[in-house]
Structures are given as C-alpha cells and as structure tokens.
Protein backbone atom coordinates (compact mmCIF):
# COMPACT_ATOMS: atom_id res chain seq x y z
CA MET A 1 70.60 33.47 78.78
CA ASN A 2 72.42 36.73 78.41
CA ALA A 3 76.12 36.64 79.18
CA PRO A 4 77.04 38.65 82.30
CA GLN A 5 78.41 42.10 81.54
CA PRO A 6 81.99 42.69 82.61
CA VAL A 7 82.26 44.92 85.66
CA GLU A 8 84.21 48.11 84.93
CA GLN A 9 87.14 48.32 87.26
CA PRO A 10 87.81 51.68 88.90
CA PRO A 11 91.08 53.32 87.85
CA SER A 12 94.08 52.72 90.04
CA LEU A 13 95.35 55.46 92.34
CA ARG A 14 98.40 55.98 90.14
CA ALA A 15 96.25 56.33 87.02
CA ALA A 16 93.89 58.74 88.77
CA ILE A 17 96.78 60.94 89.91
CA ALA A 18 98.37 60.81 86.45
CA HIS A 19 95.08 61.88 84.87
CA ARG A 20 94.59 64.66 87.42
CA PHE A 21 98.00 66.20 86.71
CA SER A 22 98.21 65.45 83.00
CA LEU A 23 99.41 68.32 80.80
CA LEU A 24 98.21 66.57 77.64
CA ASP A 25 94.45 66.37 78.22
CA ASP A 26 93.62 70.06 77.59
CA LYS A 27 96.64 70.88 75.43
CA ALA A 28 95.91 73.00 72.38
CA ASP A 29 96.70 71.79 68.90
CA ASP A 30 100.38 71.93 67.97
CA ALA A 31 99.63 74.30 65.10
CA GLU A 32 97.67 76.65 67.40
CA ILE A 33 100.50 76.69 69.96
CA ASP A 34 103.03 77.41 67.20
CA ARG A 35 100.93 80.25 65.78
CA SER A 36 100.28 81.81 69.18
CA LEU A 37 103.89 81.75 70.39
CA ARG A 38 105.28 83.05 67.10
CA ALA A 39 102.75 85.90 67.09
CA GLY A 40 103.85 86.96 70.58
CA VAL A 41 107.42 87.45 69.37
CA GLU A 42 106.58 90.30 67.01
CA LEU A 43 107.33 93.85 68.12
CA SER A 44 105.72 96.18 65.60
CA GLY A 45 102.70 98.40 65.10
CA ALA A 46 101.07 99.32 68.40
CA THR A 47 103.27 97.03 70.53
CA PRO A 48 106.30 99.41 70.84
CA TRP A 49 103.96 102.25 71.84
CA ILE A 50 102.28 100.10 74.47
CA LEU A 51 105.74 99.12 75.75
CA MET A 52 106.87 102.76 76.01
CA PHE A 53 103.73 103.81 77.89
CA ALA A 54 103.97 100.79 80.20
CA ILE A 55 107.63 101.62 80.98
CA LEU A 56 106.66 105.24 81.67
CA ILE A 57 103.92 104.10 84.07
CA ALA A 58 106.30 101.71 85.82
CA SER A 59 108.96 104.45 86.12
CA VAL A 60 106.46 106.80 87.74
CA GLY A 61 105.39 104.02 90.12
CA LEU A 62 108.99 103.29 91.13
CA ASN A 63 109.75 107.01 91.46
CA THR A 64 106.75 107.60 93.74
CA ASN A 65 107.00 104.23 95.55
CA SER A 66 103.50 103.18 94.41
CA ASN A 67 102.94 99.40 94.25
CA ALA A 68 99.55 99.78 92.54
CA VAL A 69 101.01 101.80 89.66
CA ILE A 70 103.88 99.32 89.20
CA ILE A 71 101.47 96.38 89.07
CA GLY A 72 99.28 98.21 86.54
CA ALA A 73 102.30 98.78 84.29
CA MET A 74 103.29 95.10 84.44
CA LEU A 75 99.78 94.06 83.38
CA VAL A 76 100.07 95.87 80.03
CA SER A 77 103.72 95.00 79.36
CA PRO A 78 104.39 93.06 76.11
CA LEU A 79 107.86 91.86 77.19
CA MET A 80 106.85 88.24 77.83
CA GLY A 81 106.28 87.44 74.14
CA PRO A 82 109.88 87.56 72.83
CA ILE A 83 111.23 85.74 75.91
CA VAL A 84 108.77 82.85 75.65
CA GLY A 85 109.29 82.82 71.87
CA MET A 86 113.03 82.46 72.40
CA GLY A 87 112.43 79.48 74.71
CA TYR A 88 110.04 77.97 72.18
CA GLY A 89 112.60 78.42 69.39
CA ILE A 90 115.26 76.70 71.50
CA GLY A 91 112.86 73.88 72.36
CA ILE A 92 112.09 73.11 68.70
CA TYR A 93 115.59 74.01 67.39
CA ASP A 94 114.22 76.82 65.19
CA PHE A 95 117.26 79.10 64.99
CA ALA A 96 115.50 81.65 62.80
CA LEU A 97 112.84 82.07 65.51
CA ILE A 98 115.56 82.33 68.17
CA ARG A 99 117.34 85.10 66.25
CA ARG A 100 114.07 86.99 65.67
CA SER A 101 113.14 86.66 69.36
CA LEU A 102 116.58 87.89 70.48
CA VAL A 103 116.43 90.87 68.12
CA ASN A 104 112.93 91.85 69.27
CA LEU A 105 113.90 91.37 72.93
CA ALA A 106 116.98 93.56 72.43
CA ILE A 107 114.85 96.24 70.74
CA ALA A 108 112.28 96.06 73.56
CA ALA A 109 115.01 96.35 76.20
CA GLY A 110 116.53 99.31 74.34
CA ILE A 111 113.17 101.09 74.12
CA SER A 112 112.56 100.42 77.81
CA LEU A 113 115.98 101.68 78.89
CA ALA A 114 115.71 104.80 76.73
CA THR A 115 112.23 105.65 78.02
CA SER A 116 113.07 105.13 81.68
CA THR A 117 116.40 106.98 81.38
CA VAL A 118 114.72 110.03 79.84
CA TYR A 119 112.06 110.01 82.55
CA PHE A 120 114.58 109.84 85.40
CA LEU A 121 116.64 112.61 83.77
CA LEU A 122 113.58 114.90 83.75
CA THR A 123 111.80 113.99 87.00
CA PRO A 124 112.31 116.39 89.94
CA LEU A 125 112.15 113.40 92.35
CA GLY A 126 115.75 112.25 92.35
CA GLU A 127 115.84 110.17 95.53
CA ALA A 128 115.91 106.38 95.14
CA GLN A 129 112.81 104.93 96.80
CA SER A 130 112.58 101.48 98.40
CA GLU A 131 110.82 100.01 95.34
CA LEU A 132 113.80 101.06 93.19
CA LEU A 133 116.43 99.77 95.60
CA ALA A 134 114.63 96.42 95.90
CA ARG A 135 115.48 95.71 92.22
CA THR A 136 119.25 96.12 92.62
CA THR A 137 120.17 93.01 94.63
CA PRO A 138 118.91 89.84 92.86
CA SER A 139 119.20 86.53 94.65
CA LEU A 140 118.34 82.84 94.36
CA TRP A 141 114.70 83.63 95.15
CA ASP A 142 114.48 85.69 91.98
CA VAL A 143 115.70 82.64 90.04
CA LEU A 144 113.02 80.47 91.65
CA ILE A 145 110.33 83.08 90.90
CA ALA A 146 111.41 83.37 87.26
CA LEU A 147 111.54 79.57 86.89
CA ALA A 148 108.14 78.98 88.50
CA GLY A 149 106.59 81.93 86.68
CA GLY A 150 107.98 80.77 83.35
CA LEU A 151 106.63 77.25 83.88
CA ALA A 152 103.18 78.61 84.74
CA GLY A 153 103.26 80.96 81.75
CA ILE A 154 104.19 78.41 79.10
CA ILE A 155 101.72 75.87 80.50
CA GLY A 156 98.97 78.50 80.32
CA GLN A 157 99.88 79.43 76.74
CA THR A 158 99.72 75.82 75.53
CA ARG A 159 96.15 75.23 76.74
CA ARG A 160 93.03 75.15 74.58
CA GLU A 161 91.24 77.53 76.94
CA LYS A 162 93.36 80.58 77.67
CA SER A 163 93.29 81.82 81.27
CA ASN A 164 94.51 84.84 83.18
CA VAL A 165 97.80 83.14 84.00
CA ILE A 166 99.89 85.39 81.69
CA PRO A 167 99.07 88.68 83.51
CA GLY A 168 99.80 86.92 86.79
CA VAL A 169 103.14 85.68 85.49
CA ALA A 170 103.98 89.19 84.26
CA ILE A 171 103.37 90.53 87.78
CA ALA A 172 105.19 87.72 89.59
CA THR A 173 108.33 87.75 87.43
CA ALA A 174 108.41 91.58 87.32
CA LEU A 175 110.22 92.10 84.01
CA MET A 176 109.62 95.84 83.73
CA PRO A 177 110.73 97.23 87.12
CA PRO A 178 114.35 96.01 86.71
CA LEU A 179 114.58 97.74 83.32
CA CYS A 180 113.20 100.95 84.82
CA THR A 181 115.69 100.68 87.68
CA ALA A 182 118.49 100.18 85.15
CA GLY A 183 117.28 103.36 83.45
CA TYR A 184 117.50 105.14 86.80
CA GLY A 185 121.10 103.92 87.13
CA LEU A 186 121.93 105.26 83.66
CA ALA A 187 120.27 108.61 84.34
CA ASN A 188 122.23 109.06 87.57
CA ALA A 189 125.46 107.41 86.38
CA ASN A 190 125.07 104.86 89.17
CA TRP A 191 126.65 101.81 87.56
CA GLN A 192 126.17 99.56 90.58
CA VAL A 193 122.40 100.10 90.45
CA PHE A 194 122.42 99.61 86.67
CA ALA A 195 124.38 96.36 86.89
CA GLY A 196 122.24 94.88 89.67
CA ALA A 197 118.95 95.78 87.98
CA PHE A 198 120.04 94.56 84.53
CA TYR A 199 121.31 91.32 86.04
CA LEU A 200 117.87 90.79 87.61
CA PHE A 201 116.27 91.36 84.20
CA SER A 202 118.71 88.86 82.65
CA ILE A 203 117.83 86.27 85.30
CA ASN A 204 114.14 86.63 84.49
CA CYS A 205 114.73 86.35 80.74
CA VAL A 206 117.01 83.30 80.91
CA PHE A 207 114.93 81.27 83.35
CA ILE A 208 111.58 82.10 81.77
CA ALA A 209 113.01 80.94 78.45
CA PHE A 210 114.53 77.87 80.14
CA SER A 211 111.09 77.03 81.61
CA ALA A 212 109.61 77.24 78.13
CA VAL A 213 112.27 74.83 76.83
CA LEU A 214 111.44 72.31 79.56
CA ILE A 215 107.68 72.35 78.89
CA ILE A 216 108.07 72.32 75.10
CA ASP A 217 110.32 69.27 75.41
CA PHE A 218 107.88 67.58 77.83
CA LEU A 219 104.91 68.16 75.50
CA ARG A 220 106.98 66.74 72.60
CA LEU A 221 105.96 69.42 70.16
CA PRO A 222 107.21 68.97 66.60
CA HIS A 223 110.82 70.15 66.31
CA ARG A 224 113.59 70.09 63.80
CA LYS A 225 116.10 67.27 63.82
CA PHE A 226 119.86 67.64 63.89
CA ILE A 227 121.60 65.64 61.22
CA ASP A 228 124.86 66.01 63.14
CA LYS A 229 124.37 64.55 66.63
CA ALA A 230 127.61 66.12 67.83
CA LYS A 231 126.26 69.55 66.91
CA GLU A 232 123.03 68.79 68.82
CA LYS A 233 125.07 67.97 71.93
CA ARG A 234 127.10 71.18 71.55
CA VAL A 235 123.91 73.27 71.31
CA LYS A 236 122.40 71.65 74.40
CA ARG A 237 125.64 72.10 76.36
CA ALA A 238 125.81 75.76 75.35
CA LEU A 239 122.24 76.33 76.54
CA LEU A 240 122.98 74.60 79.85
CA ALA A 241 126.12 76.71 80.29
CA ILE A 242 124.15 79.92 79.75
CA VAL A 243 121.62 78.87 82.40
CA LEU A 244 124.32 77.95 84.91
CA LEU A 245 126.41 81.08 84.30
CA THR A 246 123.31 83.22 84.82
CA GLY A 247 122.12 81.42 87.92
CA LEU A 248 125.35 80.81 89.86
CA PRO A 249 125.98 84.46 90.85
CA SER A 250 122.44 84.65 92.21
CA ILE A 251 123.17 81.69 94.49
CA TRP A 252 126.16 83.56 95.95
CA LEU A 253 124.05 86.71 96.37
CA ALA A 254 121.30 84.69 98.08
CA ALA A 255 123.81 83.09 100.47
CA ARG A 256 125.18 86.54 101.34
CA LEU A 257 121.66 87.89 101.86
CA VAL A 258 120.76 85.03 104.22
CA ASP A 259 124.03 85.47 106.11
CA ASN A 260 123.40 89.22 106.52
CA GLU A 261 119.85 88.64 107.73
CA LEU A 262 121.02 86.06 110.28
CA PHE A 263 123.75 88.42 111.52
CA SER A 264 121.25 91.31 111.88
CA SER A 265 118.77 89.11 113.75
CA LYS A 266 121.42 87.82 116.17
CA ALA A 267 122.80 91.33 116.69
CA ARG A 268 119.38 92.78 117.59
CA ALA A 269 118.74 89.94 120.05
CA PHE A 270 122.22 90.46 121.58
CA VAL A 271 121.67 94.21 122.10
CA ARG A 272 118.22 93.61 123.59
CA ASP A 273 119.42 90.94 126.02
CA GLU A 274 122.73 92.51 127.11
CA PHE A 275 121.60 96.10 127.64
CA GLN A 276 118.26 95.22 129.21
CA ALA A 277 119.84 94.55 132.64
CA ALA A 278 121.72 97.87 132.69
CA LYS A 279 119.90 101.01 133.80
CA VAL A 280 120.13 102.56 130.35
CA HIS A 281 117.77 102.96 127.43
CA VAL A 282 118.77 101.96 123.89
CA VAL A 283 117.74 104.89 121.70
CA GLU A 284 118.98 103.54 118.37
CA THR A 285 120.63 100.41 117.00
CA HIS A 286 122.39 100.45 113.64
CA ILE A 287 123.72 97.16 112.25
CA ALA A 288 126.13 97.03 109.31
CA ALA A 289 126.18 93.36 108.34
CA GLY A 290 128.82 93.90 105.65
CA THR A 291 131.42 95.30 108.06
CA LYS A 292 129.97 93.39 111.05
CA GLU A 293 129.64 96.56 113.10
CA ILE A 294 126.94 96.96 115.75
CA GLU A 295 126.40 100.62 116.68
CA VAL A 296 124.28 101.39 119.76
CA THR A 297 123.18 104.78 121.12
CA LEU A 298 122.29 104.92 124.85
CA ILE A 299 120.74 107.43 127.23
CA GLY A 300 120.78 107.20 131.01
CA PRO A 301 123.58 106.70 133.54
CA ARG A 302 126.94 106.43 131.84
CA MET A 303 128.23 102.85 131.56
CA PRO A 304 131.93 102.36 132.40
CA HIS A 305 134.20 101.21 129.60
CA SER A 306 134.93 98.00 131.50
CA ALA A 307 131.21 97.06 131.41
CA ILE A 308 131.04 97.74 127.67
CA ALA A 309 134.20 95.70 127.11
CA ALA A 310 132.69 92.82 129.11
CA ILE A 311 129.59 92.90 126.90
CA GLU A 312 131.74 92.93 123.76
CA THR A 313 133.56 89.77 124.87
CA LYS A 314 130.22 87.94 124.72
CA LEU A 315 129.82 88.54 120.96
CA PRO A 316 131.44 85.27 119.78
CA ALA A 317 129.31 83.21 122.18
CA ALA A 318 126.19 84.82 120.62
CA GLY A 319 127.22 83.67 117.15
CA LEU A 320 128.62 87.09 116.17
CA GLN A 321 132.23 86.15 115.45
CA GLY A 322 134.28 89.04 114.14
CA ALA A 323 131.67 91.64 115.13
CA HIS A 324 132.64 94.97 116.66
CA LEU A 325 130.49 96.87 119.18
CA VAL A 326 130.40 100.69 119.08
CA VAL A 327 128.52 102.38 121.94
CA HIS A 328 127.53 106.07 122.03
CA GLN A 329 126.38 107.48 125.37
CA ALA A 330 124.66 110.71 126.37
CA GLU A 331 127.88 112.28 127.64
CA ASP A 332 129.74 111.22 124.52
CA THR A 333 130.72 114.18 122.34
CA ARG A 334 129.63 112.22 119.28
CA VAL A 335 126.02 112.45 120.43
CA ASP A 336 124.29 115.79 119.83
CA VAL A 337 122.74 116.32 123.26
CA GLY A 338 121.26 119.66 122.22
CA THR A 339 119.40 118.01 119.38
CA LEU A 340 118.18 115.28 121.74
CA LYS A 341 116.86 117.89 124.21
CA ALA A 342 115.26 119.87 121.40
CA ASP A 343 113.50 116.72 120.15
CA ILE A 344 112.17 115.98 123.66
CA LEU A 345 110.94 119.58 124.12
CA ALA A 346 109.35 119.53 120.69
CA GLU A 347 107.51 116.32 121.60
CA ILE A 348 106.30 117.86 124.88
CA VAL A 349 105.07 121.01 123.08
CA LYS A 350 103.37 118.87 120.46
CA ASN A 351 101.56 116.82 123.11
CA SER A 352 100.54 120.00 125.00
CA GLN A 353 99.18 121.59 121.86
CA GLN A 354 97.25 118.44 121.09
CA ALA A 355 95.77 118.39 124.63
CA LEU A 356 94.80 122.08 124.37
CA GLN A 357 93.19 121.49 121.00
CA GLU A 358 91.18 118.56 122.39
CA ARG A 359 90.06 120.74 125.36
CA ASP A 360 88.99 123.57 123.04
CA ASP A 361 87.07 121.11 120.86
CA THR A 362 85.27 119.72 123.95
CA ILE A 363 84.34 123.22 125.17
CA ALA A 364 83.03 124.18 121.73
CA ALA A 365 80.94 121.00 121.56
CA LEU A 366 79.45 121.65 125.04
CA ARG A 367 78.63 125.25 124.15
CA LYS A 368 76.90 124.13 121.01
CA GLN A 369 74.91 121.54 122.97
CA LEU A 370 73.84 124.16 125.57
CA ALA A 371 72.77 126.57 122.83
CA GLU A 372 70.71 123.87 121.15
CA GLN A 373 69.07 122.95 124.45
CA ALA A 374 68.26 126.63 125.18
CA ALA A 375 66.74 127.07 121.73
CA THR A 376 64.69 123.89 122.17
CA ARG A 377 63.45 125.10 125.55
CA GLN A 378 62.35 128.44 124.13
CA ASP A 379 60.50 126.69 121.33
CA TRP A 380 58.81 124.38 123.86
CA ILE A 381 57.69 127.30 126.04
CA ALA A 382 56.20 129.13 123.06
CA GLY A 383 54.48 125.98 121.84
CA ALA A 384 53.13 125.15 125.31
CA GLY A 385 51.41 128.54 125.52
CA ASP A 386 49.72 127.97 122.17
CA ILE A 387 48.52 124.50 123.26
CA ALA A 388 47.04 125.92 126.50
CA ARG A 389 45.14 128.65 124.63
CA GLU A 390 43.84 126.18 122.00
CA PHE A 391 42.58 123.86 124.76
CA ALA A 392 40.86 126.74 126.57
CA ALA A 393 39.13 127.72 123.31
CA GLN A 394 37.78 124.14 122.88
CA PHE A 395 36.72 123.70 126.51
CA PRO A 396 35.72 127.09 127.97
CA GLN A 397 34.39 125.37 131.14
CA CYS A 398 38.01 124.37 132.00
CA ALA A 399 40.47 126.86 133.44
CA ASP A 400 44.04 126.95 134.76
CA ALA A 401 45.38 124.85 131.84
CA LEU A 402 49.02 123.91 132.46
CA VAL A 403 51.34 122.31 129.87
CA GLY A 404 54.69 120.76 130.84
CA GLN A 405 56.88 117.65 130.88
CA VAL A 406 56.56 114.83 133.43
CA ALA A 407 58.88 111.92 134.21
CA LEU A 408 57.60 108.39 133.56
CA ALA A 409 58.43 105.24 135.50
CA ASP A 410 60.76 103.98 132.75
CA GLY A 411 62.92 107.11 132.95
CA GLN A 412 61.49 108.81 129.86
CA THR A 413 59.54 112.09 129.77
CA ALA A 414 56.12 112.86 128.30
CA PRO A 415 54.05 116.03 127.67
CA LEU A 416 51.29 116.66 130.26
CA LEU A 417 48.25 118.96 130.03
CA SER A 418 46.29 119.47 133.27
CA ALA A 419 43.23 121.67 133.89
CA THR A 420 40.35 122.14 136.36
CA CYS A 421 36.83 122.18 134.94
CA ARG A 422 33.54 123.45 136.39
CA ARG A 423 31.90 120.62 134.48
CA LEU A 424 33.88 117.64 133.17
CA PRO A 425 33.49 117.00 129.43
CA ALA A 426 31.85 113.82 128.24
CA ALA A 427 34.06 110.73 127.86
CA SER A 428 33.99 110.97 124.05
CA GLN A 429 35.13 114.60 124.22
CA VAL A 430 37.93 113.67 126.65
CA LYS A 431 39.14 110.99 124.19
CA LEU A 432 39.11 113.49 121.33
CA ALA A 433 41.03 115.97 123.46
CA GLN A 434 43.55 113.26 124.35
CA ASP A 435 44.07 112.39 120.64
CA TRP A 436 44.36 116.05 119.75
CA PHE A 437 46.99 116.61 122.45
CA ARG A 438 49.06 113.66 121.21
CA VAL A 439 48.94 114.89 117.62
CA ARG A 440 49.67 118.44 118.73
CA THR A 441 52.75 117.41 120.75
CA LYS A 442 53.79 114.65 118.32
CA SER A 443 54.08 112.22 121.21
CA GLU A 444 52.17 109.00 121.81
CA GLN A 445 53.09 109.28 125.49
CA ALA A 446 51.27 112.63 125.94
CA ARG A 447 48.92 112.65 128.98
CA LEU A 448 45.72 114.66 129.60
CA LEU A 449 44.66 115.24 133.22
CA LEU A 450 41.30 116.94 133.90
CA ALA A 451 39.97 117.51 137.40
CA ARG A 452 36.61 118.88 138.56
CA ALA A 453 36.83 122.22 140.31
CA ALA A 454 35.74 122.27 143.94
CA ARG A 455 32.49 124.10 144.58
C-alpha cells in the first residue's frame, strides 16, 4: 500500500501577513540597486539643463498661481537623485558617495536659486501669490510628508519592477517650489521668505535622505564596516543630531500653526454668536492670531460702548484668553461711509444693468421668433396655392380646392386639402392623390377630403 501523503498545512495568519508586507520578495539585486542609486546622483550632461528648465517652469507656475504648471515642473525635476544618493551613502557608510551627493545637491540648489532669482528679477508680476506664500511657513506636516515620501521613494527604487512612485514622490515632497520661493525672496530682498522657503527645502532633503537610510538598513544591503566602533557610534550620533536639529523647529512651527487655527476658529464662532442677537450686521471680521486681536466692522443701529464692553468680557469664557475686541461701527470715523454708500450704489446699478440686459435679450429673442413665424407663414401660403393648382390640374372635375392646417385630437396639426367634385374619382385615384399630398406636404398626417357636389 502507498503511504498516505502528508497534508500541506495552510500558512499561519502571522506568516501570511508577513509575506503580504514583505519588502524582500520583489527586491532588486543588490548590484542593480547600487548601480541605479549611484547613477541618480550624477549631475552632468543634459541633467543641469533639465533642472534649469524645470525651475523656470515652476517659477512661472508660482508667479501665476497655477497648480498644474507647478506639478508639471515637479514631474521633470532631477533633484531627487542626489538626495536619495546621500541617504544611500549614509546607509552603507560610503563617504565618497556622500561627498559626491552633497556636492551635486549643492550645485543643483545653486542652479535652482540662480534661475529662479533671475526670473523673479525680470518678471513684471511682482506680487507674491498664495502658492508662493504657502512655501514660507514649514511645519511638522512637511516633515511627515518628506518622511513618508522618502520611504515610498526608496522602496520604489529598490524593486525589480520600477513603478511610477518616483514622480508621485517628487510631487508630494515638492522639492522645487521651495527653491523657487527662496529665489523670489532673494530677488526681492525678502529674507524672511528666503529663510522659510530654504528651511522647507532643507526639511525635505534631510528627511528624504533619512528615509533612505532607514530602508537601506532594513534591507541589509552590503555596507562598509567600521574598524573603530567608537567612530561608528560618533557617525550615527551625528546623523541623528542633524535629523533632530532639522525637525525640532518644524514641531514648534506646527504647534504655533495649530494654536493660530484654533484661535481663529473660536474667534469666528464668538463673533457669530455674540453679534447675532444684536440688531446689527457684521460686514467684515479680521482676526490677527499673532496679536490676538479680533476686529469687527458693523452696520446698523449703533451699539453702546457698554454693550461692546459686556461682549468683550465674555472672551475668556470662550477660550480666547488675552484677546482684544476692536469694533468699528457705521458712525465711526474710521469707517469710510462714503465708500460704503458708493459700493451699495454700484451694486444697485450693476443689478439694474443686468436686468435691463436680460430684458433686451428677451425682446430680441421674441422678435426673432415672430419674424421666423411670419416667414414660415408666407412660405406656407405660397406653397398651399401651388398645391391647390396642382390638384386642380390632376382632377379637373373637382373645384373649390382649399389647403390649410387642421387641429388633431392629440393636440398636433396636420395639412388638409378639401375639394368638391362633380364626379368622385375612383378609390385607386383617391389613394394616389392622398399619397401625393403627403409627399407634397412632407407630412404623414396630411388629410385629403373630397365631397360630391350637390346637383
């Protein structure tokens, strides 16, 4: 007898999950990863030209507030290569690769700053748009984006089958817009904008490289060994210090951003709730979270100062400790009443002009419709006369041929030809006449009515 075959046991849940999330199954060969990451570090030949054109595109997009143009520039940017190469060099302790990556990254940043600065010196659009200003206040969320984007990027670059993850990482981490914004700060001698934008670029570089170090260490790629263990510890501590020193200011900025947003939200709710009961209308609310000032402009019956003071005493209870309420009213000399009246009159004139234009358009459309109906009627009258004469020529025994339109039971109309005949045509001739009349009037509903003349 044959021995029973062992039953294959299904994998455990832990093993199935480990296999599902394994980063080793589809990992490329170590030599292929090394070649690919080292090649991305180089900045020569066509790469500097591509970088300059990409920076120019991004600068135009920021200057004109166009998201689509900015995204297009990030897709062709070659800035990711030196940053990931630096992280790879740190992960395998290849100091020559780290130096080459840092040099190429510095050259790329210099080219980017020079290109964007020249553009913003020459452009006639000097006002800072919202897309520019958004790159001047980095926060903890930018750290998280750079970290997550860097992890996704290095994982994608170590796979056998390359995917579209790198363009997505380039868009998510947004390396180019901060450099363009820094160029705007240089061109306009706005050092606060320059510092904020360049700090955002530094955050992206450090945490993308740090992500690469983490994945390279996890994949256990071949790396050089330190003979001196104390030196290895010093290098690792220095890298950790760089990461912490770069990330800590962003945590403070994020905390301040959250605090400002909470203050603004509470202030808007306070103004809405407290002034809703009064017989006034809040025209404008301006909230300065930094100075904790809430400025409100009112129209309507003037509120006494005692009522405003009573509302201001409620600020601490609403979670707005230290806030100051400034109220402008219609009678207040700080409000330009003439401008307010002019704006209201301008709105009334605008609405009146719009109503007149709509009336004129309606009249023109009705006139056109009447003209078309008159022309159609004239054509029908001329055609009806021709049909009556043609019928009389075919049936000379019939007289008094009349052609017109009759209403049907379903609400539609149909052509009608009626005539009186001394002698009624044969049934076959009547059918031919009916078919002819339908073809002649182009209507399947056309009716033929023949009656015998009284003797």
